[in-house]
Amino acid sequence: HRQEKSYKITTFPKMLQDTVSKIDSEKALAKKKKDDGDNSDKKEGKEQEESKATKAESEDADVDMDKPILPQLQDKFVKAQSYGMDKIQFGMFSSIYDLFET
């Protein structure tokens, strides 16, 4: 019942939201400063290679590193909660079926 209760929570945790929002804003500020700063051709080439490598790694993880993290995390939260509830309900149904089968 403890797990079921935790999966019924539909609101994204406020403390996590605040923390991730700060990370997103710091990341956006750093990117803006980097874009406003000196962009020599050598730096751009290296950054593009690093960016491609990061994108390739993030495709495996289903996370777009160029976008803010919070909306992606909130979307995953909703999907994870739904999956957890489905898994618990299937487990109960399966147990009951096994009980009647034997």
Protein backbone atom coordinates (compact mmCIF):
# COMPACT_ATOMS: atom_id res chain seq x y z
CA HIS A 1 0.00 0.00 0.00
CA ARG A 2 2.93 2.34 0.60
CA GLN A 3 4.03 2.16 -3.02
CA GLU A 4 0.51 2.61 -4.30
CA LYS A 5 0.11 5.69 -2.12
CA SER A 6 3.34 7.21 -3.47
CA TYR A 7 2.32 6.52 -7.08
CA LYS A 8 -0.98 8.33 -6.54
CA ILE A 9 0.89 11.60 -5.99
CA THR A 10 0.21 13.72 -9.05
CA THR A 11 1.99 16.95 -8.14
CA PHE A 12 5.63 17.39 -8.97
CA PRO A 13 7.70 17.85 -5.76
CA LYS A 14 8.10 21.59 -5.06
CA MET A 15 11.66 21.39 -3.71
CA LEU A 16 12.80 19.44 -6.76
CA GLN A 17 11.05 21.91 -9.04
CA ASP A 18 12.82 24.84 -7.36
CA THR A 19 16.22 23.15 -7.56
CA VAL A 20 15.88 22.16 -11.21
CA SER A 21 14.57 25.64 -12.09
CA LYS A 22 17.72 27.14 -10.59
CA ILE A 23 19.88 24.75 -12.60
CA ASP A 24 18.00 25.63 -15.79
CA SER A 25 18.33 29.36 -15.19
CA GLU A 26 22.06 29.06 -14.41
CA LYS A 27 22.56 26.98 -17.54
CA ALA A 28 20.67 29.51 -19.67
CA LEU A 29 22.70 32.38 -18.19
CA ALA A 30 25.98 30.56 -18.84
CA LYS A 31 24.93 29.83 -22.41
CA LYS A 32 23.96 33.45 -22.96
CA LYS A 33 27.30 34.65 -21.60
CA LYS A 34 29.12 32.16 -23.79
CA ASP A 35 27.18 33.32 -26.86
CA ASP A 36 27.85 36.98 -26.04
CA GLY A 37 31.56 36.38 -25.40
CA ASP A 38 34.43 35.94 -27.84
CA ASN A 39 33.62 33.18 -30.33
CA SER A 40 36.76 32.34 -32.22
CA ASP A 41 36.62 29.70 -34.97
CA LYS A 42 38.81 27.32 -32.98
CA LYS A 43 36.54 27.51 -29.93
CA GLU A 44 33.41 27.04 -32.03
CA GLY A 45 34.79 23.94 -33.72
CA LYS A 46 35.67 22.34 -30.41
CA GLU A 47 32.34 23.29 -28.84
CA GLN A 48 30.42 21.90 -31.81
CA GLU A 49 32.25 18.58 -31.49
CA GLU A 50 31.50 18.47 -27.76
CA SER A 51 27.89 19.41 -28.44
CA LYS A 52 27.52 16.58 -30.98
CA ALA A 53 28.99 14.10 -28.52
CA THR A 54 26.65 15.30 -25.78
CA LYS A 55 23.65 15.06 -28.11
CA ALA A 56 24.60 11.53 -29.10
CA GLU A 57 24.83 10.54 -25.44
CA SER A 58 21.55 12.27 -24.60
CA GLU A 59 19.69 10.49 -27.41
CA ASP A 60 20.36 7.24 -25.59
CA ALA A 61 18.93 8.71 -22.39
CA ASP A 62 15.89 10.36 -24.04
CA VAL A 63 16.92 13.75 -22.65
CA ASP A 64 17.67 16.76 -24.81
CA MET A 65 20.57 18.54 -23.14
CA ASP A 66 19.92 21.73 -25.14
CA LYS A 67 16.44 22.19 -23.70
CA PRO A 68 15.54 23.11 -20.11
CA ILE A 69 15.53 20.10 -17.82
CA LEU A 70 12.41 20.93 -15.78
CA PRO A 71 9.75 20.36 -18.49
CA GLN A 72 11.41 17.10 -19.50
CA LEU A 73 11.60 15.96 -15.88
CA GLN A 74 7.95 16.84 -15.24
CA ASP A 75 6.92 14.86 -18.31
CA LYS A 76 8.93 11.85 -17.15
CA PHE A 77 7.41 12.18 -13.66
CA VAL A 78 3.88 11.91 -15.04
CA LYS A 79 4.80 8.91 -17.18
CA ALA A 80 6.62 7.19 -14.31
CA GLN A 81 3.66 7.66 -11.95
CA SER A 82 1.29 6.22 -14.54
CA TYR A 83 3.57 3.26 -15.23
CA GLY A 84 3.98 2.57 -11.52
CA MET A 85 0.23 2.50 -10.92
CA ASP A 86 -0.31 0.23 -13.93
CA LYS A 87 2.40 -2.11 -12.68
CA ILE A 88 0.87 -2.32 -9.20
CA GLN A 89 -2.62 -2.93 -10.58
CA PHE A 90 -1.35 -5.63 -12.91
CA GLY A 91 0.50 -7.25 -10.02
CA MET A 92 -2.69 -7.38 -7.96
CA PHE A 93 -4.70 -8.77 -10.86
CA SER A 94 -2.01 -11.35 -11.60
CA SER A 95 -1.91 -12.45 -7.96
CA ILE A 96 -5.67 -12.84 -7.79
CA TYR A 97 -5.70 -14.78 -11.05
CA ASP A 98 -2.95 -17.09 -9.78
CA LEU A 99 -4.92 -17.64 -6.58
CA PHE A 100 -8.03 -18.75 -8.48
CA GLU A 101 -6.03 -20.79 -10.97
CA THR A 102 -4.56 -23.03 -8.29
